């Protein structure tokens, strides 16, 4: 029993040291992050994962008009904002699923929006709000952060299992790890909203369009089935308050005229 405990401590210390030694400065957010991948590795992972992720939502749409619209807006956001300074390869895709209300980004730059969400958006600015938020996830390196967190938590769960010899205890530790990662995920959404406001404004879109998107999500969540996008996102009402504060901070004299809504 003593030997098993010592081994568990060694395993836990190894994964703890590995996690806290993985530090990288993000010049866009100004944060020092613990990440498991280099930008090139993020790009490779995103490209490898994109086909499988798309297949879960019916594959890429055959609606060429929708694809061209999303591609044009996304490329404008990526080229005319701080995102242009990032080393990532942004690509923008519409998924054929008409029922799921969702949008997501993979590490390295692939960004997706479902037909189910796109059909609820009325203007270019609203589409830009969704895509700008997802670009925010990429430039903030949230995917790489979560991979590092998962490696760390899996290591600790393994240490618990070794030390206790009790699988149920290891399961409990895994659940705790999942809750921690969910909290980080919600914080990521808040950060991506703020980055989305910045990216939209720099690309010439009115960031107040993001508030309309929050209304869309709130209305969709009032139905019998919660949109998948809300599974890991904060309440749209709470997000709207923070978005309004971010807009006020960025435009202390008021949002200028002429931005695309």
C-alpha atoms as a PDB file:
ATOM      1  CA  UNK A   1       0.000   0.000   0.000  1.00  0.00           C
ATOM      2  CA  UNK A   2       2.877   2.358   0.883  1.00  0.00           C
ATOM      3  CA  UNK A   3       4.613   1.612  -2.409  1.00  0.00           C
ATOM      4  CA  UNK A   4       1.421   2.268  -4.345  1.00  0.00           C
ATOM      5  CA  UNK A   5       1.002   5.616  -2.585  1.00  0.00           C
ATOM      6  CA  UNK A   6       4.576   6.665  -3.415  1.00  0.00           C
ATOM      7  CA  UNK A   7       4.055   5.707  -7.055  1.00  0.00           C
ATOM      8  CA  UNK A   8       0.833   7.731  -7.163  1.00  0.00           C
ATOM      9  CA  UNK A   9       2.627  10.781  -5.760  1.00  0.00           C
ATOM     10  CA  UNK A  10       5.397  10.430  -8.362  1.00  0.00           C
ATOM     11  CA  UNK A  11       2.848  10.184 -11.188  1.00  0.00           C
ATOM     12  CA  UNK A  12       0.921  13.205  -9.895  1.00  0.00           C
ATOM     13  CA  UNK A  13       4.084  15.280  -9.507  1.00  0.00           C
ATOM     14  CA  UNK A  14       5.231  14.375 -13.019  1.00  0.00           C
ATOM     15  CA  UNK A  15       1.992  15.501 -14.669  1.00  0.00           C
ATOM     16  CA  UNK A  16       1.754  18.600 -12.473  1.00  0.00           C
ATOM     17  CA  UNK A  17       5.304  19.662 -13.365  1.00  0.00           C
ATOM     18  CA  UNK A  18       4.702  18.947 -17.045  1.00  0.00           C
ATOM     19  CA  UNK A  19       1.538  21.054 -17.074  1.00  0.00           C
ATOM     20  CA  UNK A  20       2.961  24.073 -15.291  1.00  0.00           C
ATOM     21  CA  UNK A  21       6.133  24.062 -17.392  1.00  0.00           C
ATOM     22  CA  UNK A  22       4.124  24.397 -20.614  1.00  0.00           C
ATOM     23  CA  UNK A  23       3.970  28.176 -20.893  1.00  0.00           C
ATOM     24  CA  UNK A  24       3.655  30.360 -23.968  1.00  0.00           C
ATOM     25  CA  UNK A  25       2.988  34.096 -24.359  1.00  0.00           C
ATOM     26  CA  UNK A  26       0.046  35.033 -26.573  1.00  0.00           C
ATOM     27  CA  UNK A  27       0.808  38.411 -28.195  1.00  0.00           C
ATOM     28  CA  UNK A  28      -2.829  38.973 -29.179  1.00  0.00           C
ATOM     29  CA  UNK A  29      -4.404  38.470 -25.757  1.00  0.00           C
ATOM     30  CA  UNK A  30      -1.319  39.424 -23.773  1.00  0.00           C
ATOM     31  CA  UNK A  31      -1.696  36.284 -21.648  1.00  0.00           C
ATOM     32  CA  UNK A  32       0.825  33.660 -20.625  1.00  0.00           C
ATOM     33  CA  UNK A  33      -0.863  30.356 -21.413  1.00  0.00           C
ATOM     34  CA  UNK A  34      -0.220  26.720 -20.627  1.00  0.00           C
ATOM     35  CA  UNK A  35      -0.556  25.026 -23.983  1.00  0.00           C
ATOM     36  CA  UNK A  36       0.288  21.555 -25.244  1.00  0.00           C
ATOM     37  CA  UNK A  37       0.806  22.382 -28.924  1.00  0.00           C
ATOM     38  CA  UNK A  38       2.791  24.721 -31.138  1.00  0.00           C
ATOM     39  CA  UNK A  39       0.832  26.828 -33.673  1.00  0.00           C
ATOM     40  CA  UNK A  40       1.943  24.464 -36.456  1.00  0.00           C
ATOM     41  CA  UNK A  41       0.662  21.501 -34.465  1.00  0.00           C
ATOM     42  CA  UNK A  42      -2.641  23.297 -33.876  1.00  0.00           C
ATOM     43  CA  UNK A  43      -2.997  23.826 -37.625  1.00  0.00           C
ATOM     44  CA  UNK A  44      -2.233  20.170 -38.354  1.00  0.00           C
ATOM     45  CA  UNK A  45      -4.710  19.000 -35.700  1.00  0.00           C
ATOM     46  CA  UNK A  46      -7.451  21.277 -37.023  1.00  0.00           C
ATOM     47  CA  UNK A  47      -6.975  20.092 -40.594  1.00  0.00           C
ATOM     48  CA  UNK A  48      -6.995  16.453 -39.499  1.00  0.00           C
ATOM     49  CA  UNK A  49     -10.090  16.847 -37.314  1.00  0.00           C
ATOM     50  CA  UNK A  50     -12.197  18.979 -39.677  1.00  0.00           C
ATOM     51  CA  UNK A  51     -13.654  16.166 -41.853  1.00  0.00           C
ATOM     52  CA  UNK A  52     -14.775  14.122 -38.848  1.00  0.00           C
ATOM     53  CA  UNK A  53     -16.315  17.129 -37.123  1.00  0.00           C
ATOM     54  CA  UNK A  54     -18.142  18.175 -40.287  1.00  0.00           C
ATOM     55  CA  UNK A  55     -19.536  14.666 -40.723  1.00  0.00           C
ATOM     56  CA  UNK A  56     -21.246  14.915 -37.313  1.00  0.00           C
ATOM     57  CA  UNK A  57     -23.380  17.765 -38.654  1.00  0.00           C
ATOM     58  CA  UNK A  58     -24.349  16.380 -42.038  1.00  0.00           C
ATOM     59  CA  UNK A  59     -21.174  17.364 -43.859  1.00  0.00           C
ATOM     60  CA  UNK A  60     -20.574  20.571 -45.794  1.00  0.00           C
ATOM     61  CA  UNK A  61     -23.692  22.213 -47.212  1.00  0.00           C
ATOM     62  CA  UNK A  62     -24.509  22.174 -50.908  1.00  0.00           C
ATOM     63  CA  UNK A  63     -25.915  25.692 -50.620  1.00  0.00           C
ATOM     64  CA  UNK A  64     -23.290  27.600 -52.591  1.00  0.00           C
ATOM     65  CA  UNK A  65     -24.802  30.984 -51.808  1.00  0.00           C
ATOM     66  CA  UNK A  66     -24.574  30.379 -48.075  1.00  0.00           C
ATOM     67  CA  UNK A  67     -21.035  29.053 -48.389  1.00  0.00           C
ATOM     68  CA  UNK A  68     -19.864  32.068 -50.399  1.00  0.00           C
ATOM     69  CA  UNK A  69     -21.465  34.505 -47.953  1.00  0.00           C
ATOM     70  CA  UNK A  70     -19.877  32.912 -44.891  1.00  0.00           C
ATOM     71  CA  UNK A  71     -16.510  32.576 -46.638  1.00  0.00           C
ATOM     72  CA  UNK A  72     -16.507  36.230 -47.714  1.00  0.00           C
ATOM     73  CA  UNK A  73     -17.456  37.550 -44.275  1.00  0.00           C
ATOM     74  CA  UNK A  74     -15.023  35.256 -42.498  1.00  0.00           C
ATOM     75  CA  UNK A  75     -12.112  36.160 -44.751  1.00  0.00           C
ATOM     76  CA  UNK A  76     -12.814  39.867 -44.277  1.00  0.00           C
ATOM     77  CA  UNK A  77     -12.754  39.413 -40.506  1.00  0.00           C
ATOM     78  CA  UNK A  78      -9.542  37.415 -40.612  1.00  0.00           C
ATOM     79  CA  UNK A  79      -7.756  39.787 -42.999  1.00  0.00           C
ATOM     80  CA  UNK A  80      -8.764  43.164 -41.561  1.00  0.00           C
ATOM     81  CA  UNK A  81      -8.447  42.557 -37.844  1.00  0.00           C
ATOM     82  CA  UNK A  82      -5.893  41.544 -35.249  1.00  0.00           C
ATOM     83  CA  UNK A  83      -6.493  37.962 -36.408  1.00  0.00           C
ATOM     84  CA  UNK A  84      -4.271  38.723 -39.419  1.00  0.00           C
ATOM     85  CA  UNK A  85      -1.311  38.767 -37.023  1.00  0.00           C
ATOM     86  CA  UNK A  86      -1.974  35.199 -35.915  1.00  0.00           C
ATOM     87  CA  UNK A  87      -0.128  32.310 -37.618  1.00  0.00           C
ATOM     88  CA  UNK A  88      -3.321  30.350 -38.287  1.00  0.00           C
ATOM     89  CA  UNK A  89      -5.020  29.311 -41.534  1.00  0.00           C
ATOM     90  CA  UNK A  90      -8.625  30.409 -41.198  1.00  0.00           C
ATOM     91  CA  UNK A  91     -11.221  28.608 -43.279  1.00  0.00           C
ATOM     92  CA  UNK A  92     -14.991  29.050 -43.047  1.00  0.00           C
ATOM     93  CA  UNK A  93     -17.600  26.393 -43.691  1.00  0.00           C
ATOM     94  CA  UNK A  94     -21.381  25.956 -43.534  1.00  0.00           C
ATOM     95  CA  UNK A  95     -22.591  22.585 -42.270  1.00  0.00           C
ATOM     96  CA  UNK A  96     -25.670  20.982 -43.798  1.00  0.00           C
ATOM     97  CA  UNK A  97     -27.466  20.268 -40.495  1.00  0.00           C
ATOM     98  CA  UNK A  98     -30.686  22.361 -40.636  1.00  0.00           C
ATOM     99  CA  UNK A  99     -31.862  21.521 -37.123  1.00  0.00           C
ATOM    100  CA  UNK A 100     -28.831  22.070 -34.922  1.00  0.00           C
ATOM    101  CA  UNK A 101     -28.124  25.634 -33.812  1.00  0.00           C
ATOM    102  CA  UNK A 102     -24.356  25.658 -33.453  1.00  0.00           C
ATOM    103  CA  UNK A 103     -21.029  27.153 -34.483  1.00  0.00           C
ATOM    104  CA  UNK A 104     -17.550  26.084 -33.450  1.00  0.00           C
ATOM    105  CA  UNK A 105     -13.855  26.493 -34.200  1.00  0.00           C
ATOM    106  CA  UNK A 106     -11.080  23.915 -34.301  1.00  0.00           C
ATOM    107  CA  UNK A 107      -7.476  24.622 -33.323  1.00  0.00           C
ATOM    108  CA  UNK A 108      -5.495  26.217 -36.116  1.00  0.00           C
ATOM    109  CA  UNK A 109      -8.339  27.941 -37.942  1.00  0.00           C
ATOM    110  CA  UNK A 110     -11.195  25.775 -39.330  1.00  0.00           C
ATOM    111  CA  UNK A 111     -14.494  27.467 -38.408  1.00  0.00           C
ATOM    112  CA  UNK A 112     -17.992  26.048 -38.907  1.00  0.00           C
ATOM    113  CA  UNK A 113     -21.565  27.289 -38.646  1.00  0.00           C
ATOM    114  CA  UNK A 114     -24.634  25.116 -39.150  1.00  0.00           C
ATOM    115  CA  UNK A 115     -27.479  25.920 -41.510  1.00  0.00           C
ATOM    116  CA  UNK A 116     -29.698  25.741 -38.443  1.00  0.00           C
ATOM    117  CA  UNK A 117     -27.978  28.767 -36.919  1.00  0.00           C
ATOM    118  CA  UNK A 118     -27.308  30.606 -40.163  1.00  0.00           C
ATOM    119  CA  UNK A 119     -31.016  30.626 -41.027  1.00  0.00           C
ATOM    120  CA  UNK A 120     -31.761  32.495 -37.802  1.00  0.00           C
ATOM    121  CA  UNK A 121     -29.391  35.343 -38.667  1.00  0.00           C
ATOM    122  CA  UNK A 122     -30.760  38.289 -40.644  1.00  0.00           C
ATOM    123  CA  UNK A 123     -27.755  40.453 -41.535  1.00  0.00           C
ATOM    124  CA  UNK A 124     -24.089  40.266 -42.499  1.00  0.00           C
ATOM    125  CA  UNK A 125     -23.228  41.833 -39.167  1.00  0.00           C
ATOM    126  CA  UNK A 126     -24.925  39.019 -37.285  1.00  0.00           C
ATOM    127  CA  UNK A 127     -23.016  36.402 -39.282  1.00  0.00           C
ATOM    128  CA  UNK A 128     -19.835  38.379 -38.597  1.00  0.00           C
ATOM    129  CA  UNK A 129     -20.650  38.319 -34.877  1.00  0.00           C
ATOM    130  CA  UNK A 130     -20.790  34.519 -34.832  1.00  0.00           C
ATOM    131  CA  UNK A 131     -17.652  34.108 -36.942  1.00  0.00           C
ATOM    132  CA  UNK A 132     -15.769  36.802 -35.035  1.00  0.00           C
ATOM    133  CA  UNK A 133     -16.513  34.996 -31.777  1.00  0.00           C
ATOM    134  CA  UNK A 134     -15.176  31.738 -33.223  1.00  0.00           C
ATOM    135  CA  UNK A 135     -12.053  33.465 -34.573  1.00  0.00           C
ATOM    136  CA  UNK A 136     -11.584  34.679 -31.014  1.00  0.00           C
ATOM    137  CA  UNK A 137     -11.385  31.077 -29.817  1.00  0.00           C
ATOM    138  CA  UNK A 138      -8.636  30.342 -32.324  1.00  0.00           C
ATOM    139  CA  UNK A 139      -6.434  33.380 -31.678  1.00  0.00           C
ATOM    140  CA  UNK A 140      -6.864  32.926 -27.907  1.00  0.00           C
ATOM    141  CA  UNK A 141      -5.631  29.334 -28.338  1.00  0.00           C
ATOM    142  CA  UNK A 142      -8.466  27.906 -26.268  1.00  0.00           C
ATOM    143  CA  UNK A 143      -8.206  24.507 -27.969  1.00  0.00           C
ATOM    144  CA  UNK A 144      -4.529  24.152 -27.115  1.00  0.00           C
ATOM    145  CA  UNK A 145      -5.239  25.227 -23.534  1.00  0.00           C
ATOM    146  CA  UNK A 146      -7.931  22.587 -23.153  1.00  0.00           C
ATOM    147  CA  UNK A 147      -5.694  19.857 -24.529  1.00  0.00           C
ATOM    148  CA  UNK A 148      -3.091  20.742 -21.915  1.00  0.00           C
ATOM    149  CA  UNK A 149      -5.775  20.737 -19.208  1.00  0.00           C
ATOM    150  CA  UNK A 150      -7.072  17.346 -20.351  1.00  0.00           C
ATOM    151  CA  UNK A 151      -3.593  15.832 -20.297  1.00  0.00           C
ATOM    152  CA  UNK A 152      -3.088  17.205 -16.790  1.00  0.00           C
ATOM    153  CA  UNK A 153      -6.444  15.914 -15.491  1.00  0.00           C
ATOM    154  CA  UNK A 154      -5.983  12.484 -17.074  1.00  0.00           C
ATOM    155  CA  UNK A 155      -2.603  12.254 -15.394  1.00  0.00           C
ATOM    156  CA  UNK A 156      -4.084  13.100 -11.987  1.00  0.00           C
ATOM    157  CA  UNK A 157      -6.934  10.637 -12.488  1.00  0.00           C
ATOM    158  CA  UNK A 158      -4.365   7.957 -13.258  1.00  0.00           C
ATOM    159  CA  UNK A 159      -2.472   8.871 -10.080  1.00  0.00           C
ATOM    160  CA  UNK A 160      -5.671   8.568  -8.011  1.00  0.00           C
ATOM    161  CA  UNK A 161      -6.401   5.161  -9.503  1.00  0.00           C
ATOM    162  CA  UNK A 162      -2.854   3.955  -8.791  1.00  0.00           C
ATOM    163  CA  UNK A 163      -2.903   5.242  -5.223  1.00  0.00           C
ATOM    164  CA  UNK A 164      -6.365   4.032  -4.217  1.00  0.00           C
ATOM    165  CA  UNK A 165      -6.806   0.956  -6.348  1.00  0.00           C
ATOM    166  CA  UNK A 166     -10.452   2.043  -6.484  1.00  0.00           C
ATOM    167  CA  UNK A 167     -11.945   2.644  -9.911  1.00  0.00           C
ATOM    168  CA  UNK A 168     -14.976   4.445  -8.487  1.00  0.00           C
ATOM    169  CA  UNK A 169     -12.654   6.974  -6.803  1.00  0.00           C
ATOM    170  CA  UNK A 170     -10.925   7.540 -10.135  1.00  0.00           C
ATOM    171  CA  UNK A 171     -14.310   8.091 -11.752  1.00  0.00           C
ATOM    172  CA  UNK A 172     -15.158  10.741  -9.153  1.00  0.00           C
ATOM    173  CA  UNK A 173     -11.865  12.527  -9.801  1.00  0.00           C
ATOM    174  CA  UNK A 174     -12.620  12.454 -13.542  1.00  0.00           C
ATOM    175  CA  UNK A 175     -16.007  14.076 -12.912  1.00  0.00           C
ATOM    176  CA  UNK A 176     -14.366  16.831 -10.873  1.00  0.00           C
ATOM    177  CA  UNK A 177     -11.925  17.378 -13.715  1.00  0.00           C
ATOM    178  CA  UNK A 178     -14.816  17.695 -16.144  1.00  0.00           C
ATOM    179  CA  UNK A 179     -16.445  20.353 -14.001  1.00  0.00           C
ATOM    180  CA  UNK A 180     -13.209  22.331 -13.853  1.00  0.00           C
ATOM    181  CA  UNK A 181     -12.848  22.187 -17.618  1.00  0.00           C
ATOM    182  CA  UNK A 182     -16.466  23.307 -18.078  1.00  0.00           C
ATOM    183  CA  UNK A 183     -15.736  26.380 -15.966  1.00  0.00           C
ATOM    184  CA  UNK A 184     -12.747  27.154 -18.115  1.00  0.00           C
ATOM    185  CA  UNK A 185     -14.927  26.676 -21.167  1.00  0.00           C
ATOM    186  CA  UNK A 186     -17.424  29.258 -19.967  1.00  0.00           C
ATOM    187  CA  UNK A 187     -14.623  31.708 -19.243  1.00  0.00           C
ATOM    188  CA  UNK A 188     -13.355  31.092 -22.755  1.00  0.00           C
ATOM    189  CA  UNK A 189     -16.737  32.090 -24.167  1.00  0.00           C
ATOM    190  CA  UNK A 190     -16.617  35.413 -22.334  1.00  0.00           C
ATOM    191  CA  UNK A 191     -13.105  36.089 -23.635  1.00  0.00           C
ATOM    192  CA  UNK A 192     -14.130  35.144 -27.177  1.00  0.00           C
ATOM    193  CA  UNK A 193     -17.093  37.537 -27.023  1.00  0.00           C
ATOM    194  CA  UNK A 194     -14.697  40.370 -26.124  1.00  0.00           C
ATOM    195  CA  UNK A 195     -12.309  39.375 -28.900  1.00  0.00           C
ATOM    196  CA  UNK A 196     -15.255  39.090 -31.276  1.00  0.00           C
ATOM    197  CA  UNK A 197     -16.256  42.692 -30.536  1.00  0.00           C
ATOM    198  CA  UNK A 198     -12.710  43.800 -31.317  1.00  0.00           C
ATOM    199  CA  UNK A 199     -12.394  41.702 -34.469  1.00  0.00           C
ATOM    200  CA  UNK A 200     -15.769  42.868 -35.805  1.00  0.00           C
ATOM    201  CA  UNK A 201     -15.025  46.536 -35.221  1.00  0.00           C
ATOM    202  CA  UNK A 202     -11.568  46.356 -36.783  1.00  0.00           C
ATOM    203  CA  UNK A 203     -13.051  44.679 -39.871  1.00  0.00           C
ATOM    204  CA  UNK A 204     -15.747  47.337 -40.253  1.00  0.00           C
ATOM    205  CA  UNK A 205     -18.723  45.506 -38.726  1.00  0.00           C
ATOM    206  CA  UNK A 206     -20.981  46.982 -36.062  1.00  0.00           C
ATOM    207  CA  UNK A 207     -20.335  44.985 -32.868  1.00  0.00           C
ATOM    208  CA  UNK A 208     -23.871  45.726 -31.670  1.00  0.00           C
ATOM    209  CA  UNK A 209     -24.944  42.996 -34.077  1.00  0.00           C
ATOM    210  CA  UNK A 210     -23.587  40.557 -31.515  1.00  0.00           C
ATOM    211  CA  UNK A 211     -26.363  41.656 -29.162  1.00  0.00           C
ATOM    212  CA  UNK A 212     -28.952  40.597 -31.741  1.00  0.00           C
ATOM    213  CA  UNK A 213     -27.250  37.182 -31.917  1.00  0.00           C
ATOM    214  CA  UNK A 214     -27.687  36.862 -28.154  1.00  0.00           C
ATOM    215  CA  UNK A 215     -31.403  37.544 -28.661  1.00  0.00           C
ATOM    216  CA  UNK A 216     -31.521  34.807 -31.307  1.00  0.00           C
ATOM    217  CA  UNK A 217     -29.854  32.312 -28.978  1.00  0.00           C
ATOM    218  CA  UNK A 218     -32.078  33.272 -26.060  1.00  0.00           C
ATOM    219  CA  UNK A 219     -35.192  32.784 -28.197  1.00  0.00           C
ATOM    220  CA  UNK A 220     -33.934  29.466 -29.526  1.00  0.00           C
ATOM    221  CA  UNK A 221     -33.210  28.260 -25.988  1.00  0.00           C
ATOM    222  CA  UNK A 222     -36.829  28.922 -25.013  1.00  0.00           C
ATOM    223  CA  UNK A 223     -37.909  25.971 -27.171  1.00  0.00           C
ATOM    224  CA  UNK A 224     -38.285  22.378 -26.096  1.00  0.00           C
ATOM    225  CA  UNK A 225     -34.768  21.447 -27.198  1.00  0.00           C
ATOM    226  CA  UNK A 226     -31.796  23.488 -26.065  1.00  0.00           C
ATOM    227  CA  UNK A 227     -29.508  24.527 -28.940  1.00  0.00           C
ATOM    228  CA  UNK A 228     -26.225  22.643 -28.881  1.00  0.00           C
ATOM    229  CA  UNK A 229     -24.322  25.924 -28.864  1.00  0.00           C
ATOM    230  CA  UNK A 230     -25.710  26.601 -25.367  1.00  0.00           C
ATOM    231  CA  UNK A 231     -24.390  23.351 -23.898  1.00  0.00           C
ATOM    232  CA  UNK A 232     -21.072  24.969 -22.948  1.00  0.00           C
ATOM    233  CA  UNK A 233     -21.904  28.678 -23.354  1.00  0.00           C
ATOM    234  CA  UNK A 234     -23.029  31.078 -20.632  1.00  0.00           C
ATOM    235  CA  UNK A 235     -26.610  32.343 -20.608  1.00  0.00           C
ATOM    236  CA  UNK A 236     -27.153  34.692 -23.584  1.00  0.00           C
ATOM    237  CA  UNK A 237     -28.622  37.343 -21.291  1.00  0.00           C
ATOM    238  CA  UNK A 238     -25.517  37.366 -19.121  1.00  0.00           C
ATOM    239  CA  UNK A 239     -23.301  37.465 -22.197  1.00  0.00           C
ATOM    240  CA  UNK A 240     -25.244  40.426 -23.589  1.00  0.00           C
ATOM    241  CA  UNK A 241     -24.467  42.501 -20.504  1.00  0.00           C
ATOM    242  CA  UNK A 242     -20.760  41.802 -20.848  1.00  0.00           C
ATOM    243  CA  UNK A 243     -20.841  42.489 -24.582  1.00  0.00           C
ATOM    244  CA  UNK A 244     -22.511  45.854 -23.991  1.00  0.00           C
ATOM    245  CA  UNK A 245     -19.809  46.699 -21.442  1.00  0.00           C
ATOM    246  CA  UNK A 246     -17.084  45.698 -23.903  1.00  0.00           C
ATOM    247  CA  UNK A 247     -18.601  47.840 -26.659  1.00  0.00           C
ATOM    248  CA  UNK A 248     -18.857  50.799 -24.290  1.00  0.00           C
ATOM    249  CA  UNK A 249     -15.225  50.339 -23.271  1.00  0.00           C
ATOM    250  CA  UNK A 250     -14.000  50.142 -26.859  1.00  0.00           C
ATOM    251  CA  UNK A 251     -16.197  53.004 -28.092  1.00  0.00           C
ATOM    252  CA  UNK A 252     -16.361  55.438 -25.191  1.00  0.00           C
ATOM    253  CA  UNK A 253     -17.724  58.134 -27.499  1.00  0.00           C
ATOM    254  CA  UNK A 254     -20.323  55.850 -29.062  1.00  0.00           C
ATOM    255  CA  UNK A 255     -20.163  53.379 -31.945  1.00  0.00           C
ATOM    256  CA  UNK A 256     -19.295  55.322 -35.134  1.00  0.00           C
ATOM    257  CA  UNK A 257     -21.617  55.466 -38.118  1.00  0.00           C
ATOM    258  CA  UNK A 258     -20.898  53.510 -41.265  1.00  0.00           C
ATOM    259  CA  UNK A 259     -20.140  50.104 -39.770  1.00  0.00           C
ATOM    260  CA  UNK A 260     -21.880  47.140 -41.406  1.00  0.00           C
ATOM    261  CA  UNK A 261     -24.765  45.800 -39.303  1.00  0.00           C
END
